[in-house]
Amino acid sequence: MSRTVNFQLLLISLFLSSVLGRQAHANTVKAVSCSVSDVQAAINSANDGDTVVIPNASCSWSSGITFSKQIVLQGETAGGVTITDVDTNSNDSLLTITTGASFHTTLANITFLPGSGKGHYVTIQGSGLPPLMHDMTFNLPNFQLQNAVNWWVTGGVIWNTTFISTSNLSGACGTQVGSDSGSLAVRSNLSWNAPSTMGVLDTTGTNNLYIEDTVFSNVGQIPDLDDNARVVIRHSQIIGSSGLTHGPTGAQGGRSIEFYNDTFSYPNQNRPLNRYFWMRAGTMVVTNNDIQWINGGCYPNKNSFTVIVEGARWNTGGHQCCTGWQCWHQVGSGASSVTNTPPILSASQSPTDNFQMSDPVYIWNNRGTGQGSSHYGTNEVDPAQDNCHNINPSTGQEFSTTDFYKAGRDYFYDDTSNPNNGARPGWAPYPYPHPLRGNSSTPPPAPPTGVTITVK
């Protein structure tokens, strides 16, 4: 046997010894109870790579836990641990987690209830390996919390999780029905100007946040795509719920959103729901979904998806009023890896972004009464925010979203429900279920039924 082969075998042996040794020394630490002090003590005694188990029980937390250990923190069984938030500080999170580069930090098997809480249930931040979250339930009260979850990291996977409101579900027309506390706010450390990671362009599966087999029921911000966010929602249920991307009010705005193999439904027609998703920046793919028309006696004939180019009428975020295509990070835009000469970005926009490029919205191969271009619309900023009043010389009218968001250039809608028509060129879904789920075979949560909460 050659020296080269012997050396290669030695390297493989050392690698396997390192991996197996690290796995062999991973421990499971069980907290004495679900109290905040006992869970904190268990985390303090754990090492990176360990699993900390919270025993099945119900506890109230009036303060939070902050940790940066790269551990699995999980309830003993799915649905067995309930934490009620009684921390009334609106800036606090019950769990503040900083991720790292050695292990996938994981959160699982915990139900959070609002109590008198005012802040957030969970904030995940940091860099390194994308975090994982599964078999969680977040119950949201009306406008009480800031957000259930702040996902301030690049990538990650959320699955078998429920974001739900059980407040005021039997309210009359014109009353608040369901919750609009924020469900999930997302930011990314990956630059807005990094090339597209939609579909299989996310070659490592670590650049987008993947939300799979999850239920959003009568809640808002599902999700709220803040700066640089790249999100995929698939094989999930959107029930009387809506989300959005941020636009020029943020430092960068949301980057991309993909919806596929989802169900959008509007079973409670008293709930004020103006759309399932509001695009204010970046680009979007919507395909192979079942979409119910948002149409009822209280809230009739609403769009499934709504688009706005806010820069047409709103000078905000220091970007100036838009007077030519493209507007800063507008809907139907993305970025290239090389500079554009001359830049596509309108000369009226600030700051100059020479990487911005056209990246159209594609909606095709969907089913249901809420699919089709008649259910995809535009809107404008509130008249009170209109501080531009620039006239389009081509129309003699004030610039509007439709001046900058054009069919065949910025968006392509196909109404045929035919999978062979209208697809985004080169797009294919990233493998499902996400490989980071490992051997998870837990079925997705069922939609809520038989809710009987009355109006307060």
Protein backbone atom coordinates (compact mmCIF):
# COMPACT_ATOMS: atom_id res chain seq x y z
CA MET A 1 0.00 0.00 0.00
CA SER A 2 1.45 3.40 -1.01
CA ARG A 3 2.35 6.16 1.41
CA THR A 4 -0.27 8.36 -0.28
CA VAL A 5 -3.05 5.87 0.40
CA ASN A 6 -1.87 5.38 3.98
CA PHE A 7 -1.88 9.14 4.51
CA GLN A 8 -5.38 9.46 3.04
CA LEU A 9 -6.65 6.67 5.29
CA LEU A 10 -5.06 8.39 8.27
CA LEU A 11 -6.81 11.65 7.41
CA ILE A 12 -10.18 9.89 7.04
CA SER A 13 -9.62 8.09 10.34
CA LEU A 14 -8.78 11.34 12.12
CA PHE A 15 -11.85 13.03 10.62
CA LEU A 16 -14.20 10.23 11.64
CA SER A 17 -12.66 10.11 15.11
CA SER A 18 -13.23 13.85 15.46
CA VAL A 19 -16.87 13.64 14.32
CA LEU A 20 -17.72 10.53 16.29
CA GLY A 21 -15.92 11.83 19.33
CA ARG A 22 -17.88 15.07 19.21
CA GLN A 23 -21.13 13.14 18.86
CA ALA A 24 -20.19 10.71 21.63
CA HIS A 25 -19.60 13.54 24.08
CA ALA A 26 -22.91 15.28 23.32
CA ASN A 27 -25.08 15.04 26.42
CA THR A 28 -28.74 15.46 27.29
CA VAL A 29 -29.40 17.78 30.21
CA LYS A 30 -32.88 17.78 31.74
CA ALA A 31 -34.07 20.85 33.59
CA VAL A 32 -35.56 20.28 37.04
CA SER A 33 -38.76 22.07 36.00
CA CYS A 34 -40.05 24.44 33.32
CA SER A 35 -39.42 27.51 35.49
CA VAL A 36 -37.21 30.19 33.98
CA SER A 37 -34.55 29.69 36.67
CA ASP A 38 -34.41 25.92 36.23
CA VAL A 39 -34.25 26.15 32.44
CA GLN A 40 -31.51 28.78 32.73
CA ALA A 41 -29.56 26.52 35.11
CA ALA A 42 -29.81 23.58 32.70
CA ILE A 43 -28.58 25.74 29.82
CA ASN A 44 -25.70 27.00 31.96
CA SER A 45 -24.59 23.43 32.62
CA ALA A 46 -24.75 22.38 28.96
CA ASN A 47 -22.02 22.49 26.34
CA ASP A 48 -22.20 23.22 22.63
CA GLY A 49 -23.85 20.28 20.89
CA ASP A 50 -25.84 19.18 23.94
CA THR A 51 -29.62 18.83 24.19
CA VAL A 52 -31.46 20.60 27.00
CA VAL A 53 -34.88 19.09 27.75
CA ILE A 54 -37.65 21.01 29.51
CA PRO A 55 -39.96 18.59 31.38
CA ASN A 56 -43.63 18.56 30.42
CA ALA A 57 -45.50 21.14 32.51
CA SER A 58 -46.90 24.66 32.41
CA CYS A 59 -44.98 27.66 33.74
CA SER A 60 -45.18 31.46 33.64
CA TRP A 61 -42.07 33.50 32.85
CA SER A 62 -41.81 37.13 33.99
CA SER A 63 -38.29 37.48 32.58
CA GLY A 64 -36.32 35.95 29.76
CA ILE A 65 -33.30 33.76 29.06
CA THR A 66 -30.38 34.81 26.88
CA PHE A 67 -27.85 32.28 25.64
CA SER A 68 -25.29 31.75 22.89
CA LYS A 69 -24.59 28.06 23.44
CA GLN A 70 -25.22 26.06 20.29
CA ILE A 71 -27.66 23.56 21.76
CA VAL A 72 -31.00 21.90 21.14
CA LEU A 73 -33.54 23.40 23.54
CA GLN A 74 -36.74 21.37 23.48
CA GLY A 75 -39.78 20.41 25.45
CA GLU A 76 -39.96 16.82 26.60
CA THR A 77 -42.68 16.01 24.05
CA ALA A 78 -44.44 18.01 21.35
CA GLY A 79 -47.25 19.98 23.00
CA GLY A 80 -46.14 18.99 26.50
CA VAL A 81 -44.53 22.26 27.61
CA THR A 82 -46.48 25.52 27.89
CA ILE A 83 -44.81 28.82 28.74
CA THR A 84 -47.05 31.80 29.54
CA ASP A 85 -45.51 35.21 28.93
CA VAL A 86 -46.05 37.62 31.85
CA ASP A 87 -43.08 39.88 31.03
CA THR A 88 -44.65 43.30 30.46
CA ASN A 89 -41.49 44.95 29.07
CA SER A 90 -42.20 45.54 25.38
CA ASN A 91 -38.47 45.28 24.51
CA ASP A 92 -37.95 41.85 26.07
CA SER A 93 -37.90 38.38 24.52
CA LEU A 94 -38.53 35.29 26.62
CA LEU A 95 -35.75 33.57 24.66
CA THR A 96 -32.88 35.49 23.08
CA ILE A 97 -30.65 33.07 21.19
CA THR A 98 -27.35 33.77 19.44
CA THR A 99 -26.31 31.16 16.89
CA GLY A 100 -22.80 29.94 16.06
CA ALA A 101 -20.69 28.06 13.54
CA SER A 102 -20.32 24.60 15.12
CA PHE A 103 -23.87 23.27 15.61
CA HIS A 104 -27.35 24.08 14.35
CA THR A 105 -29.06 25.78 17.29
CA THR A 106 -32.53 24.20 17.56
CA LEU A 107 -35.75 25.11 19.35
CA ALA A 108 -38.60 22.58 19.56
CA ASN A 109 -41.71 21.29 21.35
CA ILE A 110 -42.81 24.44 23.23
CA THR A 111 -46.16 26.26 23.30
CA PHE A 112 -46.11 29.98 24.11
CA LEU A 113 -49.19 31.76 25.48
CA PRO A 114 -49.50 35.55 25.81
CA GLY A 115 -50.60 36.15 29.39
CA SER A 116 -49.80 39.82 30.05
CA GLY A 117 -46.65 39.78 27.91
CA LYS A 118 -45.84 42.82 25.76
CA GLY A 119 -42.64 42.00 23.87
CA HIS A 120 -41.55 38.93 21.93
CA TYR A 121 -41.54 35.23 22.58
CA VAL A 122 -38.31 34.42 20.72
CA THR A 123 -35.45 36.38 19.12
CA ILE A 124 -32.82 34.46 17.16
CA GLN A 125 -29.74 36.39 16.05
CA GLY A 126 -26.11 35.84 15.09
CA SER A 127 -24.22 34.16 12.28
CA GLY A 128 -22.85 30.75 11.39
CA LEU A 129 -25.02 27.67 10.84
CA PRO A 130 -28.72 28.36 10.18
CA PRO A 131 -30.99 27.64 13.16
CA LEU A 132 -33.86 25.13 13.20
CA MET A 133 -37.28 25.36 14.84
CA HIS A 134 -40.06 22.77 14.83
CA ASP A 135 -43.19 21.56 16.61
CA MET A 136 -43.78 24.95 18.22
CA THR A 137 -47.03 26.84 18.89
CA PHE A 138 -47.25 30.60 19.24
CA ASN A 139 -50.57 32.00 20.44
CA LEU A 140 -51.00 35.68 19.57
CA PRO A 141 -53.34 38.16 21.26
CA ASN A 142 -54.80 41.23 19.57
CA PHE A 143 -52.08 43.88 19.13
CA GLN A 144 -50.52 42.97 22.48
CA LEU A 145 -47.14 41.56 21.47
CA GLN A 146 -44.54 43.18 19.22
CA ASN A 147 -43.73 39.93 17.38
CA ALA A 148 -43.94 36.28 18.28
CA VAL A 149 -40.58 35.52 16.65
CA ASN A 150 -37.74 37.73 15.45
CA TRP A 151 -35.63 35.73 12.99
CA TRP A 152 -32.57 37.96 12.63
CA VAL A 153 -30.26 35.44 10.92
CA THR A 154 -29.43 34.13 7.46
CA GLY A 155 -31.34 31.02 6.47
CA GLY A 156 -32.85 28.35 8.68
CA VAL A 157 -35.78 25.94 8.66
CA ILE A 158 -39.12 26.16 10.51
CA TRP A 159 -41.51 23.20 10.30
CA ASN A 160 -44.58 21.71 11.98
CA THR A 161 -45.21 25.01 13.76
CA THR A 162 -48.44 26.93 14.41
CA PHE A 163 -48.94 30.69 14.67
CA ILE A 164 -52.52 31.19 15.83
CA SER A 165 -54.92 33.70 17.33
CA THR A 166 -57.78 32.44 19.47
CA SER A 167 -59.02 35.93 20.39
CA ASN A 168 -62.29 37.47 19.22
CA LEU A 169 -63.02 34.87 16.58
CA SER A 170 -66.79 35.32 16.82
CA GLY A 171 -66.84 39.10 16.49
CA ALA A 172 -69.43 40.90 14.41
CA CYS A 173 -68.76 42.68 11.16
CA GLY A 174 -66.64 45.75 11.72
CA THR A 175 -64.94 44.54 14.91
CA GLN A 176 -61.39 43.27 15.24
CA VAL A 177 -61.45 39.54 14.53
CA GLY A 178 -58.29 37.58 15.08
CA SER A 179 -54.85 38.88 15.88
CA ASP A 180 -52.52 41.41 14.35
CA SER A 181 -49.67 41.10 16.78
CA GLY A 182 -46.71 40.28 14.55
CA SER A 183 -46.13 36.59 13.87
CA LEU A 184 -42.68 36.36 12.32
CA ALA A 185 -40.28 39.20 11.46
CA VAL A 186 -37.33 38.19 9.28
CA ARG A 187 -34.01 39.85 8.47
CA SER A 188 -30.94 38.38 6.82
CA ASN A 189 -27.23 39.04 6.99
CA LEU A 190 -26.93 38.17 3.30
CA SER A 191 -26.68 41.37 1.29
CA TRP A 192 -29.68 42.52 -0.75
CA ASN A 193 -27.25 42.80 -3.65
CA ALA A 194 -26.18 39.17 -3.48
CA PRO A 195 -27.53 37.29 -6.55
CA SER A 196 -30.87 35.47 -6.41
CA THR A 197 -31.19 32.39 -4.18
CA MET A 198 -34.71 31.48 -5.31
CA GLY A 199 -35.49 27.81 -5.93
CA VAL A 200 -32.45 25.64 -6.62
CA LEU A 201 -30.25 28.73 -6.89
CA ASP A 202 -29.93 28.30 -3.13
CA THR A 203 -27.36 25.61 -3.83
CA THR A 204 -26.57 24.91 -0.17
CA GLY A 205 -30.09 25.39 1.18
CA THR A 206 -28.70 27.80 3.78
CA ASN A 207 -29.43 31.24 2.30
CA ASN A 208 -33.24 31.30 2.52
CA LEU A 209 -35.50 30.80 5.52
CA TYR A 210 -37.65 27.74 4.69
CA ILE A 211 -41.06 27.49 6.39
CA GLU A 212 -42.62 24.07 5.83
CA ASP A 213 -45.74 22.23 7.01
CA THR A 214 -46.74 25.20 9.15
CA VAL A 215 -50.11 26.77 9.99
CA PHE A 216 -50.78 30.51 10.15
CA SER A 217 -54.30 31.02 11.49
CA ASN A 218 -55.93 34.48 11.83
CA VAL A 219 -52.61 36.28 12.36
CA GLY A 220 -50.61 39.02 10.68
CA GLN A 221 -47.04 39.29 9.37
CA ILE A 222 -46.74 35.77 8.00
CA PRO A 223 -43.99 36.82 7.63
CA ASP A 224 -42.83 40.42 7.68
CA LEU A 225 -39.82 40.45 5.35
CA ASP A 226 -37.56 43.16 6.68
CA ASP A 227 -34.09 44.06 5.40
CA ASN A 228 -32.52 41.52 3.00
CA ALA A 229 -34.99 38.77 3.98
CA ARG A 230 -35.28 35.76 1.66
CA VAL A 231 -38.13 33.42 2.60
CA VAL A 232 -39.73 30.26 1.18
CA ILE A 233 -43.17 29.19 2.47
CA ARG A 234 -44.24 25.78 1.17
CA HIS A 235 -46.61 22.94 2.03
CA SER A 236 -48.24 25.23 4.60
CA GLN A 237 -51.68 26.62 5.45
CA ILE A 238 -52.41 30.35 5.36
CA ILE A 239 -55.81 30.72 7.06
CA GLY A 240 -57.23 34.24 7.26
CA SER A 241 -53.67 35.55 7.53
CA SER A 242 -51.43 37.97 5.66
CA GLY A 243 -47.79 38.98 5.25
CA LEU A 244 -45.64 41.60 3.53
CA THR A 245 -42.21 42.75 2.45
CA HIS A 246 -40.83 46.04 3.72
CA GLY A 247 -39.94 48.68 1.16
CA PRO A 248 -38.06 51.99 1.32
CA THR A 249 -39.06 52.55 4.94
CA GLY A 250 -36.35 50.00 5.78
CA ALA A 251 -32.62 50.24 5.21
CA GLN A 252 -32.81 47.70 2.34
CA GLY A 253 -36.28 46.18 2.17
CA GLY A 254 -37.27 42.55 1.70
CA ARG A 255 -35.45 40.62 -1.04
CA SER A 256 -37.59 37.65 -2.13
CA ILE A 257 -40.56 35.46 -1.18
CA GLU A 258 -41.65 32.10 -2.62
CA PHE A 259 -45.05 30.49 -2.01
CA TYR A 260 -45.66 27.04 -3.42
CA ASN A 261 -47.76 23.99 -2.57
CA ASP A 262 -49.65 26.08 0.00
CA THR A 263 -53.33 26.58 0.80
CA PHE A 264 -54.70 30.12 1.22
CA SER A 265 -58.18 30.24 2.76
CA TYR A 266 -60.60 32.77 4.21
CA PRO A 267 -63.08 30.79 6.34
CA ASN A 268 -64.04 33.58 8.78
CA GLN A 269 -65.51 36.32 6.62
CA ASN A 270 -65.81 38.73 9.56
CA ARG A 271 -62.03 38.99 9.83
CA PRO A 272 -60.61 42.18 8.25
CA LEU A 273 -58.29 40.75 5.60
CA ASN A 274 -57.32 42.96 2.67
CA ARG A 275 -54.91 40.48 1.00
CA TYR A 276 -52.82 37.41 1.68
CA PHE A 277 -49.57 39.18 0.83
CA TRP A 278 -48.42 42.75 0.21
CA MET A 279 -45.32 43.23 -1.95
CA ARG A 280 -43.42 46.46 -1.26
CA ALA A 281 -39.96 45.46 -2.50
CA GLY A 282 -38.02 42.64 -4.16
CA THR A 283 -39.44 39.76 -6.12
CA MET A 284 -41.84 36.83 -5.69
CA VAL A 285 -42.76 33.38 -6.98
CA VAL A 286 -46.29 32.03 -6.40
CA THR A 287 -47.07 28.63 -7.91
CA ASN A 288 -49.03 25.42 -7.38
CA ASN A 289 -51.17 26.83 -4.57
CA ASP A 290 -54.88 26.58 -3.75
CA ILE A 291 -56.14 30.15 -3.25
CA GLN A 292 -59.61 31.08 -1.97
CA TRP A 293 -61.07 34.44 -2.93
CA ILE A 294 -61.16 36.92 -0.02
CA ASN A 295 -64.79 37.83 -0.45
CA GLY A 296 -67.48 38.17 2.21
CA GLY A 297 -70.24 40.42 3.41
CA CYS A 298 -67.91 42.42 5.64
CA TYR A 299 -64.80 42.48 3.45
CA PRO A 300 -65.83 41.90 -0.15
CA ASN A 301 -63.69 41.38 -3.25
CA LYS A 302 -60.19 41.77 -1.85
CA ASN A 303 -56.99 40.99 -3.72
CA SER A 304 -55.06 37.82 -3.02
CA PHE A 305 -51.78 39.63 -3.69
CA THR A 306 -51.24 43.40 -3.71
CA VAL A 307 -48.24 45.33 -5.06
CA ILE A 308 -47.09 48.87 -4.35
CA VAL A 309 -44.15 50.95 -5.56
CA GLU A 310 -44.05 53.33 -2.63
CA GLY A 311 -41.41 55.61 -4.17
CA ALA A 312 -43.91 56.77 -6.76
CA ARG A 313 -45.63 59.00 -4.23
CA TRP A 314 -43.64 58.79 -1.02
CA ASN A 315 -40.24 60.28 -0.30
CA THR A 316 -39.22 58.13 2.66
CA GLY A 317 -36.04 56.55 3.94
CA GLY A 318 -33.89 59.11 2.15
CA HIS A 319 -34.58 57.57 -1.29
CA GLN A 320 -36.33 60.56 -2.88
CA CYS A 321 -39.39 60.46 -5.15
CA CYS A 322 -39.19 58.07 -8.08
CA THR A 323 -39.58 59.55 -11.57
CA GLY A 324 -38.29 56.71 -13.77
CA TRP A 325 -37.83 52.96 -13.96
CA GLN A 326 -36.50 51.33 -11.81
CA CYS A 327 -37.35 52.70 -8.42
CA TRP A 328 -35.10 51.81 -5.49
CA HIS A 329 -35.48 48.07 -4.71
CA GLN A 330 -38.97 48.20 -6.20
CA VAL A 331 -41.20 45.18 -6.68
CA GLY A 332 -39.91 43.23 -9.68
CA SER A 333 -36.25 43.94 -8.97
CA GLY A 334 -33.26 41.98 -7.73
CA ALA A 335 -29.50 42.20 -8.04
CA SER A 336 -26.67 40.93 -10.21
CA SER A 337 -23.12 39.98 -9.29
CA VAL A 338 -21.69 42.59 -11.66
CA THR A 339 -22.40 46.29 -11.98
CA ASN A 340 -24.84 47.57 -14.56
CA THR A 341 -23.51 50.28 -16.87
CA PRO A 342 -25.52 52.41 -17.14
CA PRO A 343 -27.44 51.57 -13.95
CA ILE A 344 -31.08 50.48 -14.22
CA LEU A 345 -31.95 52.44 -11.10
CA SER A 346 -33.66 55.74 -11.85
CA ALA A 347 -31.45 58.82 -11.57
CA SER A 348 -33.98 60.27 -9.12
CA GLN A 349 -33.31 57.53 -6.59
CA SER A 350 -30.79 57.60 -3.74
CA PRO A 351 -28.41 56.01 -2.95
CA THR A 352 -27.26 54.71 -6.34
CA ASP A 353 -27.34 50.92 -6.56
CA ASN A 354 -25.45 49.76 -9.65
CA PHE A 355 -26.13 46.10 -8.83
CA GLN A 356 -29.91 46.43 -8.98
CA MET A 357 -31.46 44.65 -11.94
CA SER A 358 -34.82 43.48 -13.22
CA ASP A 359 -36.09 40.33 -11.46
CA PRO A 360 -39.80 40.01 -12.29
CA VAL A 361 -42.60 38.59 -10.15
CA TYR A 362 -43.99 35.31 -11.54
CA ILE A 363 -47.40 33.91 -10.56
CA TRP A 364 -48.56 30.77 -12.41
CA ASN A 365 -50.15 27.34 -12.05
CA ASN A 366 -52.46 28.12 -9.15
CA ARG A 367 -56.02 26.96 -8.43
CA GLY A 368 -59.10 28.25 -6.65
CA THR A 369 -61.47 31.19 -6.70
CA GLY A 370 -58.72 33.62 -5.62
CA GLN A 371 -56.23 32.83 -8.36
CA GLY A 372 -55.88 34.81 -11.58
CA SER A 373 -54.82 38.31 -12.55
CA SER A 374 -58.20 39.77 -11.55
CA HIS A 375 -57.21 38.92 -7.96
CA TYR A 376 -53.74 40.48 -8.16
CA GLY A 377 -53.84 44.25 -7.78
CA THR A 378 -51.97 47.41 -6.83
CA ASN A 379 -52.46 50.15 -4.28
CA GLU A 380 -50.94 53.49 -3.38
CA VAL A 381 -49.67 55.08 -0.18
CA ASP A 382 -52.08 56.77 2.17
CA PRO A 383 -52.93 60.23 0.78
CA ALA A 384 -51.55 61.75 3.97
CA GLN A 385 -48.13 60.26 3.13
CA ASP A 386 -48.13 61.45 -0.49
CA ASN A 387 -45.34 64.03 -0.49
CA CYS A 388 -44.15 63.73 -4.11
CA HIS A 389 -46.95 64.92 -6.44
CA ASN A 390 -44.74 64.49 -9.52
CA ILE A 391 -46.59 64.39 -12.83
CA ASN A 392 -45.86 61.70 -15.40
CA PRO A 393 -45.48 63.65 -18.66
CA SER A 394 -46.73 60.62 -20.62
CA THR A 395 -50.10 60.57 -18.84
CA GLY A 396 -50.51 64.02 -17.35
CA GLN A 397 -51.32 62.29 -14.04
CA GLU A 398 -49.34 61.87 -10.84
CA PHE A 399 -46.91 58.98 -10.96
CA SER A 400 -48.37 55.77 -9.54
CA THR A 401 -47.42 52.13 -8.98
CA THR A 402 -48.63 51.12 -12.44
CA ASP A 403 -46.16 53.52 -14.07
CA PHE A 404 -43.26 51.48 -12.70
CA TYR A 405 -44.73 47.98 -12.41
CA LYS A 406 -45.52 46.74 -15.92
CA ALA A 407 -46.80 43.44 -17.31
CA GLY A 408 -44.25 41.62 -19.45
CA ARG A 409 -41.37 43.45 -17.80
CA ASP A 410 -41.81 43.56 -14.01
CA TYR A 411 -44.37 40.79 -13.67
CA PHE A 412 -45.77 37.77 -15.48
CA TYR A 413 -49.17 36.41 -14.42
CA ASP A 414 -50.60 33.25 -15.96
CA ASP A 415 -54.23 32.38 -15.16
CA THR A 416 -54.51 28.98 -16.81
CA SER A 417 -53.67 26.68 -13.86
CA ASN A 418 -51.53 24.84 -16.38
CA PRO A 419 -48.10 23.87 -14.97
CA ASN A 420 -46.58 24.17 -18.44
CA ASN A 421 -47.56 27.82 -18.87
CA GLY A 422 -46.04 30.98 -17.46
CA ALA A 423 -43.30 29.53 -15.27
CA ARG A 424 -40.32 31.56 -14.12
CA PRO A 425 -37.49 30.59 -16.50
CA GLY A 426 -35.03 28.21 -14.87
CA TRP A 427 -36.88 28.04 -11.58
CA ALA A 428 -37.30 24.72 -9.78
CA PRO A 429 -38.19 24.16 -6.12
CA TYR A 430 -35.47 23.41 -3.62
CA PRO A 431 -35.71 19.77 -2.39
CA TYR A 432 -38.56 19.12 0.04
CA PRO A 433 -38.57 18.36 2.91
CA HIS A 434 -35.49 20.40 3.63
CA PRO A 435 -32.50 18.14 4.26
CA LEU A 436 -31.75 19.85 7.59
CA ARG A 437 -34.95 18.33 8.96
CA GLY A 438 -33.10 15.03 9.04
CA ASN A 439 -35.39 12.09 9.72
CA SER A 440 -38.28 14.19 10.98
CA SER A 441 -41.53 12.45 10.07
CA THR A 442 -43.94 14.29 12.36
CA PRO A 443 -47.11 15.11 10.39
CA PRO A 444 -47.93 18.79 9.88
CA PRO A 445 -50.29 20.37 12.41
CA ALA A 446 -53.99 20.28 11.60
CA PRO A 447 -55.87 23.54 11.10
CA PRO A 448 -57.76 24.73 14.19
CA THR A 449 -61.37 23.62 14.54
CA GLY A 450 -64.21 24.27 16.96
CA VAL A 451 -62.82 27.52 18.35
CA THR A 452 -65.45 29.10 20.61
CA ILE A 453 -63.71 32.14 22.09
CA THR A 454 -66.08 35.11 22.35
CA VAL A 455 -65.48 38.82 21.87
CA LYS A 456 -64.22 40.67 24.94
